[in-house]
Protein backbone atom coordinates (compact mmCIF):
# COMPACT_ATOMS: atom_id res chain seq x y z
CA UNK A 1 -167.47 32.72 -230.53
CA UNK A 2 -170.83 33.01 -228.80
CA UNK A 3 -170.99 32.18 -225.11
CA UNK A 4 -174.31 30.58 -224.28
CA UNK A 5 -175.68 30.10 -220.76
CA UNK A 6 -178.21 27.21 -220.47
CA UNK A 7 -180.41 27.23 -217.33
CA UNK A 8 -181.95 23.89 -216.28
CA UNK A 9 -184.40 24.23 -213.42
CA UNK A 10 -185.81 20.65 -213.44
CA UNK A 11 -185.44 18.82 -210.05
CA UNK A 12 -184.90 15.38 -211.76
CA UNK A 13 -183.27 14.01 -214.87
CA UNK A 14 -186.15 13.91 -217.32
CA UNK A 15 -186.86 14.95 -220.87
CA UNK A 16 -185.61 18.43 -220.57
CA UNK A 17 -182.21 17.53 -219.05
CA UNK A 18 -181.72 14.62 -221.51
CA UNK A 19 -182.51 16.83 -224.53
CA UNK A 20 -180.29 19.65 -223.14
CA UNK A 21 -177.36 17.21 -222.77
CA UNK A 22 -177.73 16.04 -226.36
CA UNK A 23 -178.07 19.59 -227.64
CA UNK A 24 -174.89 20.97 -226.00
CA UNK A 25 -172.90 17.88 -227.03
CA UNK A 26 -173.88 18.51 -230.63
CA UNK A 27 -173.23 22.26 -230.83
CA UNK A 28 -170.64 23.48 -233.25
CA UNK A 29 -167.88 24.19 -230.64
CA UNK A 30 -165.92 26.43 -233.15
CA UNK A 31 -168.85 28.84 -232.94
CA UNK A 32 -170.55 28.29 -229.58
CA UNK A 33 -169.21 27.96 -226.06
CA UNK A 34 -171.84 26.38 -223.68
CA UNK A 35 -172.14 26.67 -219.99
CA UNK A 36 -174.92 24.80 -218.14
CA UNK A 37 -176.41 26.23 -214.89
CA UNK A 38 -178.40 23.76 -212.79
CA UNK A 39 -180.89 24.52 -210.06
CA UNK A 40 -180.34 21.09 -208.52
CA UNK A 41 -177.28 18.81 -208.40
CA UNK A 42 -178.39 16.35 -211.08
CA UNK A 43 -176.51 13.28 -212.32
CA UNK A 44 -176.42 14.84 -215.78
CA UNK A 45 -173.68 17.20 -214.47
CA UNK A 46 -171.10 14.44 -214.32
CA UNK A 47 -171.89 13.35 -217.92
CA UNK A 48 -171.48 16.94 -219.13
CA UNK A 49 -168.20 17.34 -217.22
CA UNK A 50 -166.84 14.18 -218.74
CA UNK A 51 -167.71 15.64 -222.21
CA UNK A 52 -165.74 18.76 -221.42
CA UNK A 53 -168.81 21.00 -221.00
CA UNK A 54 -168.49 23.32 -217.99
CA UNK A 55 -171.46 23.36 -215.62
CA UNK A 56 -172.32 24.33 -212.09
CA UNK A 57 -175.23 24.62 -209.76
CA UNK A 58 -176.61 27.98 -208.66
CA UNK A 59 -176.03 27.04 -204.97
CA UNK A 60 -172.36 26.21 -205.58
CA UNK A 61 -171.79 29.59 -207.32
CA UNK A 62 -173.49 31.37 -204.40
CA UNK A 63 -171.79 29.39 -201.62
CA UNK A 64 -174.99 27.93 -200.41
CA UNK A 65 -176.08 24.34 -199.49
CA UNK A 66 -177.51 22.34 -202.38
CA UNK A 67 -181.29 22.28 -202.22
CA UNK A 68 -183.01 18.86 -201.96
CA UNK A 69 -185.22 18.08 -204.90
CA UNK A 70 -188.92 18.20 -204.01
CA UNK A 71 -190.59 14.85 -203.46
CA UNK A 72 -192.41 13.68 -206.56
CA UNK A 73 -196.01 13.23 -205.86
CA UNK A 74 -199.41 13.80 -207.43
CA UNK A 75 -200.80 17.21 -206.93
CA UNK A 76 -204.53 17.70 -207.10
CA UNK A 77 -205.28 21.35 -207.82
CA UNK A 78 -208.62 22.53 -206.49
CA UNK A 79 -210.85 24.21 -209.07
CA UNK A 80 -210.70 27.65 -207.54
CA UNK A 81 -206.90 27.65 -207.81
CA UNK A 82 -207.23 27.24 -211.57
CA UNK A 83 -209.11 30.42 -211.99
CA UNK A 84 -207.25 33.23 -213.81
CA UNK A 85 -207.37 35.70 -210.85
CA UNK A 86 -206.00 33.20 -208.28
CA UNK A 87 -203.29 32.13 -210.69
CA UNK A 88 -202.33 35.70 -211.31
CA UNK A 89 -202.05 36.36 -207.58
CA UNK A 90 -199.99 33.20 -207.13
CA UNK A 91 -197.57 34.12 -209.85
CA UNK A 92 -197.06 37.51 -208.36
CA UNK A 93 -196.45 36.04 -204.93
CA UNK A 94 -193.97 33.49 -206.30
CA UNK A 95 -192.01 36.13 -208.16
CA UNK A 96 -191.81 38.49 -205.21
CA UNK A 97 -190.78 35.74 -202.73
CA UNK A 98 -188.54 33.64 -204.89
CA UNK A 99 -187.82 34.73 -208.41
CA UNK A 100 -187.08 38.40 -207.83
CA UNK A 101 -184.06 37.81 -205.62
CA UNK A 102 -182.86 35.04 -207.84
CA UNK A 103 -183.24 37.27 -210.92
CA UNK A 104 -181.20 40.03 -209.32
CA UNK A 105 -178.25 37.71 -208.58
CA UNK A 106 -178.48 36.01 -212.04
CA UNK A 107 -178.45 39.42 -213.76
CA UNK A 108 -175.14 40.42 -212.17
CA UNK A 109 -173.62 37.07 -212.75
CA UNK A 110 -174.58 36.94 -216.40
CA UNK A 111 -173.20 40.46 -216.95
CA UNK A 112 -169.95 39.57 -215.24
CA UNK A 113 -169.52 36.30 -217.23
CA UNK A 114 -170.28 38.16 -220.43
CA UNK A 115 -172.72 35.64 -221.93
CA UNK A 116 -174.02 36.34 -225.33
CA UNK A 117 -177.24 34.30 -225.15
CA UNK A 118 -179.32 32.82 -222.33
CA UNK A 119 -181.19 29.66 -223.19
CA UNK A 120 -183.89 28.99 -220.51
CA UNK A 121 -184.62 25.21 -220.86
CA UNK A 122 -187.79 24.62 -218.88
CA UNK A 123 -190.61 26.74 -220.20
CA UNK A 124 -191.57 30.32 -219.37
CA UNK A 125 -193.15 29.70 -215.96
CA UNK A 126 -190.26 27.55 -214.69
CA UNK A 127 -187.48 29.86 -215.89
CA UNK A 128 -188.90 33.29 -215.19
CA UNK A 129 -185.98 34.41 -213.02
CA UNK A 130 -183.51 33.57 -215.73
CA UNK A 131 -185.62 35.27 -218.43
CA UNK A 132 -185.96 38.48 -216.37
CA UNK A 133 -182.28 38.51 -215.52
CA UNK A 134 -181.18 38.14 -219.15
CA UNK A 135 -183.61 40.93 -220.24
CA UNK A 136 -182.40 43.17 -217.42
CA UNK A 137 -178.80 43.15 -218.68
CA UNK A 138 -179.73 43.27 -222.40
CA UNK A 139 -178.69 39.65 -223.29
CA UNK A 140 -180.80 37.86 -225.93
CA UNK A 141 -182.84 35.10 -224.48
CA UNK A 142 -184.76 32.05 -225.81
CA UNK A 143 -187.33 30.15 -223.76
CA UNK A 144 -187.75 26.42 -224.53
CA UNK A 145 -191.41 25.46 -224.37
CA UNK A 146 -191.68 21.73 -223.63
CA UNK A 147 -195.35 21.65 -222.63
CA UNK A 148 -198.65 23.35 -222.45
CA UNK A 149 -198.29 25.96 -219.78
CA UNK A 150 -200.76 28.80 -219.30
CA UNK A 151 -198.71 31.96 -218.29
CA UNK A 152 -200.58 34.60 -216.28
CA UNK A 153 -200.76 38.21 -217.54
CA UNK A 154 -197.97 39.05 -215.15
CA UNK A 155 -195.72 36.18 -216.41
CA UNK A 156 -196.29 37.22 -220.00
CA UNK A 157 -195.39 40.75 -219.12
CA UNK A 158 -192.26 39.68 -217.30
CA UNK A 159 -191.21 37.56 -220.30
CA UNK A 160 -191.77 40.35 -222.82
CA UNK A 161 -188.05 40.48 -223.51
CA UNK A 162 -187.85 36.85 -224.79
CA UNK A 163 -186.46 36.93 -228.27
CA UNK A 164 -187.70 33.48 -229.33
CA UNK A 165 -190.00 30.81 -227.76
CA UNK A 166 -188.66 27.44 -229.13
CA UNK A 167 -191.45 24.94 -229.09
CA UNK A 168 -190.82 21.20 -229.30
CA UNK A 169 -193.74 20.72 -231.71
CA UNK A 170 -196.18 22.61 -233.85
CA UNK A 171 -198.84 21.65 -231.34
CA UNK A 172 -197.04 23.46 -228.60
CA UNK A 173 -196.38 26.36 -230.95
CA UNK A 174 -200.08 26.72 -231.65
CA UNK A 175 -200.83 26.63 -227.91
CA UNK A 176 -198.24 29.44 -227.24
CA UNK A 177 -199.90 31.59 -229.96
CA UNK A 178 -203.28 30.94 -228.24
CA UNK A 179 -201.84 32.11 -225.03
CA UNK A 180 -201.11 35.50 -226.47
CA UNK A 181 -197.44 35.10 -227.45
CA UNK A 182 -196.62 36.98 -230.68
CA UNK A 183 -196.28 34.62 -233.66
CA UNK A 184 -193.02 36.27 -234.92
CA UNK A 185 -191.43 35.15 -231.61
CA UNK A 186 -192.49 31.50 -231.83
CA UNK A 187 -190.59 28.77 -233.64
CA UNK A 188 -191.20 25.06 -233.73
CA UNK A 189 -188.17 22.89 -233.48
CA UNK A 190 -188.76 19.22 -232.87
CA UNK A 191 -186.55 17.48 -230.25
CA UNK A 192 -183.92 15.33 -231.85
CA UNK A 193 -182.29 12.02 -231.17
CA UNK A 194 -178.90 10.55 -232.04
CA UNK A 195 -180.29 7.83 -234.37
CA UNK A 196 -176.77 6.59 -235.36
CA UNK A 197 -176.03 5.62 -231.75
CA UNK A 198 -179.08 3.30 -231.64
CA UNK A 199 -179.11 -0.08 -233.17
CA UNK A 200 -182.42 -1.97 -233.84
CA UNK A 201 -182.41 -5.53 -232.68
CA UNK A 202 -183.32 -8.54 -234.77
CA UNK A 203 -186.05 -9.92 -232.51
CA UNK A 204 -186.84 -12.79 -234.76
CA UNK A 205 -189.76 -15.15 -234.31
CA UNK A 206 -190.52 -15.86 -230.63
CA UNK A 207 -193.32 -17.59 -228.87
CA UNK A 208 -194.44 -14.61 -226.86
CA UNK A 209 -194.62 -11.01 -228.00
CA UNK A 210 -193.46 -8.18 -225.62
CA UNK A 211 -195.25 -4.88 -225.35
CA UNK A 212 -193.53 -2.17 -223.43
CA UNK A 213 -194.29 1.13 -221.68
CA UNK A 214 -191.71 3.49 -220.13
CA UNK A 215 -192.07 6.82 -218.21
CA UNK A 216 -192.92 8.41 -214.97
CA UNK A 217 -195.70 6.45 -213.27
CA UNK A 218 -198.00 9.40 -212.69
CA UNK A 219 -201.66 9.81 -213.64
CA UNK A 220 -201.06 12.04 -216.71
CA UNK A 221 -198.82 9.38 -218.31
CA UNK A 222 -201.57 6.78 -218.27
CA UNK A 223 -199.79 3.72 -216.93
CA UNK A 224 -203.18 2.45 -215.55
CA UNK A 225 -204.54 2.76 -219.04
CA UNK A 226 -201.74 0.57 -220.30
CA UNK A 227 -202.69 -2.08 -217.67
CA UNK A 228 -206.38 -1.75 -218.64
CA UNK A 229 -205.61 -2.44 -222.23
CA UNK A 230 -203.26 -5.27 -221.26
CA UNK A 231 -206.16 -6.98 -219.46
CA UNK A 232 -208.34 -6.65 -222.57
CA UNK A 233 -205.67 -8.11 -224.79
CA UNK A 234 -205.00 -11.04 -222.39
CA UNK A 235 -208.72 -11.85 -222.32
CA UNK A 236 -208.35 -12.57 -226.11
CA UNK A 237 -204.89 -14.14 -226.25
CA UNK A 238 -202.34 -15.43 -223.75
CA UNK A 239 -199.19 -15.31 -225.87
CA UNK A 240 -198.23 -11.68 -224.89
CA UNK A 241 -196.20 -10.17 -222.09
CA UNK A 242 -196.25 -6.57 -220.90
CA UNK A 243 -193.63 -4.57 -219.11
CA UNK A 244 -193.83 -1.22 -217.35
CA UNK A 245 -190.53 0.65 -216.74
CA UNK A 246 -190.54 3.67 -214.55
CA UNK A 247 -191.17 4.93 -211.05
CA UNK A 248 -193.51 7.35 -209.44
CA UNK A 249 -196.42 7.81 -207.09
CA UNK A 250 -198.87 5.53 -208.84
CA UNK A 251 -196.47 2.51 -208.93
CA UNK A 252 -197.66 1.05 -205.64
CA UNK A 253 -201.31 1.04 -206.69
CA UNK A 254 -200.41 -0.43 -209.96
CA UNK A 255 -198.41 -3.22 -208.34
CA UNK A 256 -201.36 -4.04 -205.98
CA UNK A 257 -203.87 -4.18 -208.83
CA UNK A 258 -201.57 -6.51 -210.93
CA UNK A 259 -200.95 -8.81 -207.79
CA UNK A 260 -204.75 -9.13 -207.24
CA UNK A 261 -205.47 -10.16 -210.81
CA UNK A 262 -204.97 -13.72 -211.91
CA UNK A 263 -204.97 -12.67 -215.46
CA UNK A 264 -202.30 -9.89 -215.04
CA UNK A 265 -200.07 -11.33 -212.30
CA UNK A 266 -197.84 -13.45 -214.52
CA UNK A 267 -198.09 -11.42 -217.67
CA UNK A 268 -197.42 -7.75 -216.62
CA UNK A 269 -194.05 -7.00 -215.03
CA UNK A 270 -193.05 -3.84 -213.20
CA UNK A 271 -189.39 -3.12 -214.03
CA UNK A 272 -189.09 0.06 -211.97
CA UNK A 273 -186.67 2.79 -212.96
CA UNK A 274 -184.25 1.50 -215.57
CA UNK A 275 -181.04 3.31 -216.43
CA UNK A 276 -180.85 1.01 -219.45
CA UNK A 277 -184.44 1.73 -220.51
CA UNK A 278 -183.35 1.91 -224.20
CA UNK A 279 -182.29 -1.67 -223.98
CA UNK A 280 -185.63 -2.57 -222.66
CA UNK A 281 -187.40 -0.67 -225.40
CA UNK A 282 -185.25 -2.29 -228.12
CA UNK A 283 -186.32 -5.73 -226.89
CA UNK A 284 -190.08 -4.92 -227.29
CA UNK A 285 -192.14 -5.91 -230.32
CA UNK A 286 -194.41 -2.93 -229.75
CA UNK A 287 -193.90 0.17 -227.64
CA UNK A 288 -196.84 2.15 -226.21
CA UNK A 289 -197.40 5.78 -225.15
CA UNK A 290 -200.58 6.26 -223.10
CA UNK A 291 -200.56 9.89 -222.19
CA UNK A 292 -204.05 10.98 -221.17
CA UNK A 293 -203.09 14.69 -221.22
CA UNK A 294 -201.55 16.66 -224.13
CA UNK A 295 -198.08 15.28 -224.82
CA UNK A 296 -195.68 17.90 -226.29
CA UNK A 297 -193.85 15.33 -228.32
CA UNK A 298 -193.11 11.98 -226.58
CA UNK A 299 -189.38 11.34 -226.16
CA UNK A 300 -189.78 7.61 -225.30
CA UNK A 301 -191.78 7.07 -228.40
CA UNK A 302 -189.16 8.76 -230.42
CA UNK A 303 -186.55 6.51 -228.87
CA UNK A 304 -188.63 3.49 -229.86
CA UNK A 305 -188.94 4.64 -233.45
CA UNK A 306 -185.16 5.17 -233.58
CA UNK A 307 -184.76 1.53 -232.27
CA UNK A 308 -186.98 0.26 -235.03
CA UNK A 309 -189.87 -0.68 -232.69
CA UNK A 310 -193.56 -0.20 -233.81
CA UNK A 311 -195.24 2.56 -231.80
CA UNK A 312 -198.75 2.84 -230.64
CA UNK A 313 -199.70 6.28 -229.27
CA UNK A 314 -202.83 8.50 -228.47
CA UNK A 315 -203.95 10.88 -231.18
CA UNK A 316 -203.19 14.03 -229.39
CA UNK A 317 -200.64 16.82 -229.07
CA UNK A 318 -197.22 16.40 -230.63
CA UNK A 319 -197.58 12.66 -230.93
CA UNK A 320 -199.67 13.12 -233.99
CA UNK A 321 -196.60 14.86 -235.56
CA UNK A 322 -194.31 12.10 -234.34
CA UNK A 323 -196.15 8.90 -235.34
CA UNK A 324 -197.43 8.55 -238.89
CA UNK A 325 -200.68 6.48 -238.52
CA UNK A 326 -200.58 3.18 -240.45
CA UNK A 327 -196.98 3.95 -241.56
CA UNK A 328 -194.66 4.10 -238.59
CA UNK A 329 -197.23 2.97 -235.98
CA UNK A 330 -200.84 3.30 -234.89
CA UNK A 331 -202.79 6.08 -233.21
CA UNK A 332 -205.67 5.37 -230.84
CA UNK A 333 -208.42 7.36 -229.23
CA UNK A 334 -206.89 9.13 -226.29
CA UNK A 335 -207.88 7.65 -222.86
CA UNK A 336 -209.74 4.76 -224.39
CA UNK A 337 -208.55 1.35 -223.27
CA UNK A 338 -210.66 -0.43 -225.81
CA UNK A 339 -209.24 1.59 -228.70
CA UNK A 340 -205.69 0.93 -227.43
CA UNK A 341 -206.37 -2.84 -227.05
CA UNK A 342 -207.75 -3.04 -230.54
CA UNK A 343 -204.58 -1.35 -231.86
CA UNK A 344 -202.37 -3.80 -229.97
CA UNK A 345 -204.46 -6.79 -231.18
CA UNK A 346 -204.14 -5.61 -234.77
CA UNK A 347 -200.38 -5.59 -234.43
CA UNK A 348 -200.18 -8.84 -232.53
CA UNK A 349 -202.03 -10.53 -235.36
CA UNK A 350 -199.78 -9.08 -238.01
CA UNK A 351 -196.01 -9.52 -237.45
CA UNK A 352 -195.18 -8.15 -240.89
CA UNK A 353 -196.95 -4.95 -240.05
CA UNK A 354 -194.97 -4.61 -236.83
CA UNK A 355 -191.72 -5.10 -238.76
CA UNK A 356 -192.77 -2.58 -241.47
CA UNK A 357 -193.81 0.04 -238.94
CA UNK A 358 -190.55 -0.39 -237.10
CA UNK A 359 -188.43 0.06 -240.27
CA UNK A 360 -190.49 3.17 -241.34
CA UNK A 361 -190.30 4.56 -237.82
CA UNK A 362 -186.53 4.53 -237.85
CA UNK A 363 -186.49 6.10 -241.34
CA UNK A 364 -188.90 8.75 -240.11
CA UNK A 365 -186.64 9.49 -237.07
CA UNK A 366 -183.58 9.77 -239.27
CA UNK A 367 -185.36 12.06 -241.71
CA UNK A 368 -187.39 14.35 -239.45
CA UNK A 369 -186.04 13.96 -235.85
CA UNK A 370 -182.33 13.51 -236.09
CA UNK A 371 -180.07 15.17 -233.45
CA UNK A 372 -178.11 16.97 -236.14
CA UNK A 373 -181.26 18.46 -237.68
CA UNK A 374 -182.33 19.65 -234.23
CA UNK A 375 -179.02 21.14 -233.28
CA UNK A 376 -178.65 23.00 -236.59
CA UNK A 377 -182.17 24.45 -236.26
CA UNK A 378 -181.30 25.69 -232.71
CA UNK A 379 -178.04 27.19 -233.94
CA UNK A 380 -180.01 29.04 -236.64
CA UNK A 381 -182.27 30.58 -233.99
CA UNK A 382 -179.11 31.72 -232.07
CA UNK A 383 -177.74 33.34 -235.22
CA UNK A 384 -181.00 35.13 -235.86
CA UNK A 385 -181.43 36.58 -232.41
CA UNK A 386 -177.75 37.70 -232.17
CA UNK A 387 -178.14 39.50 -235.55
CA UNK A 388 -181.39 41.15 -234.39
CA UNK A 389 -179.77 42.22 -231.07
CA UNK A 390 -176.83 43.74 -232.99
CA UNK A 391 -179.21 45.61 -235.15
CA UNK A 392 -181.13 47.01 -232.19
CA UNK A 393 -177.83 48.22 -230.56
CA UNK A 394 -176.80 49.88 -233.81
CA UNK A 395 -180.12 51.81 -234.09
CA UNK A 396 -179.75 52.77 -230.46
CA UNK A 397 -176.33 54.27 -231.04
CA UNK A 398 -177.66 56.20 -234.06
CA UNK A 399 -180.53 57.51 -231.97
CA UNK A 400 -178.25 58.75 -229.20
CA UNK A 401 -175.98 60.52 -231.72
């Protein structure tokens, strides 16, 4: 039995926490014993507890007050702060003031609890304290790369003990290699989804088609691009409704724009945060991802595929691996509202294509992105690094003799 510590540092329940919950639920419990350590008291904790998966917050284990999650807002980084030297100094400062003390506490706790593996769930830069702590006490560690971070030279040095960098797409894996991480420590494992728990709906023939969008309403997710494309579509045809599900700092501006437009006002609805977002997606005829920055994979688009909904997404990042163009959906030119509108009009004009793409999307999700496939691949990584660690200890004993 291998005891695995999962460290989740995200301040809100997003893609990383959702994927983590699905992973630990799917583990072979005859071989692996999970424990999830949260930096913040997220709602996901209750769901894990109900499933019999032990978890805690760092603050509760240390007898400290629970920290409040930082306010979600857009951060505009000045150009000089993006320069390599400034970023290096900032990473050193952050480690010395925050991560160093936390790493010291974690190292002692990990050793006392006798964990066999540490799985840092939020990328190298976010989980540096956990990575350093595990390395310090000789516990194998994996770092889950869910985006396109640029670690500084110091952060790469501090993470030199990571046994595997698990990347959610080949696109992210290529990015990690370009950042100087050794190729033999990089493995691409697509996120998975429990396709069997999702049932496509028979939407039948209806007077008005519904096109949906879901995610955090922040600039990088491109909700304003979705509205731009909706306006272009509505200029051509009036038998379509659009819905935006999600919350975030750009929501107020989006609402103001829609209210001012006679064309958009009655055709684009803002649903806000929806705990039942999968029900909303399932009701759509087409689901759209509009990321304007590199998307590691696109979990909401994967959910739409599993629900048998045709997907339209930008041709960038991991979305190219997720959506098969002209087979399970359509890809459009990133950031281009005209290209997106053209793709939507093409599907609105061809109901048979929408149905065909939805069927093939679900098949593709079952074949390439199932939760079982994902979990088994992660378990194989655990087996590899435990075997490698045992080999290193064996060679060390021989050397000492």
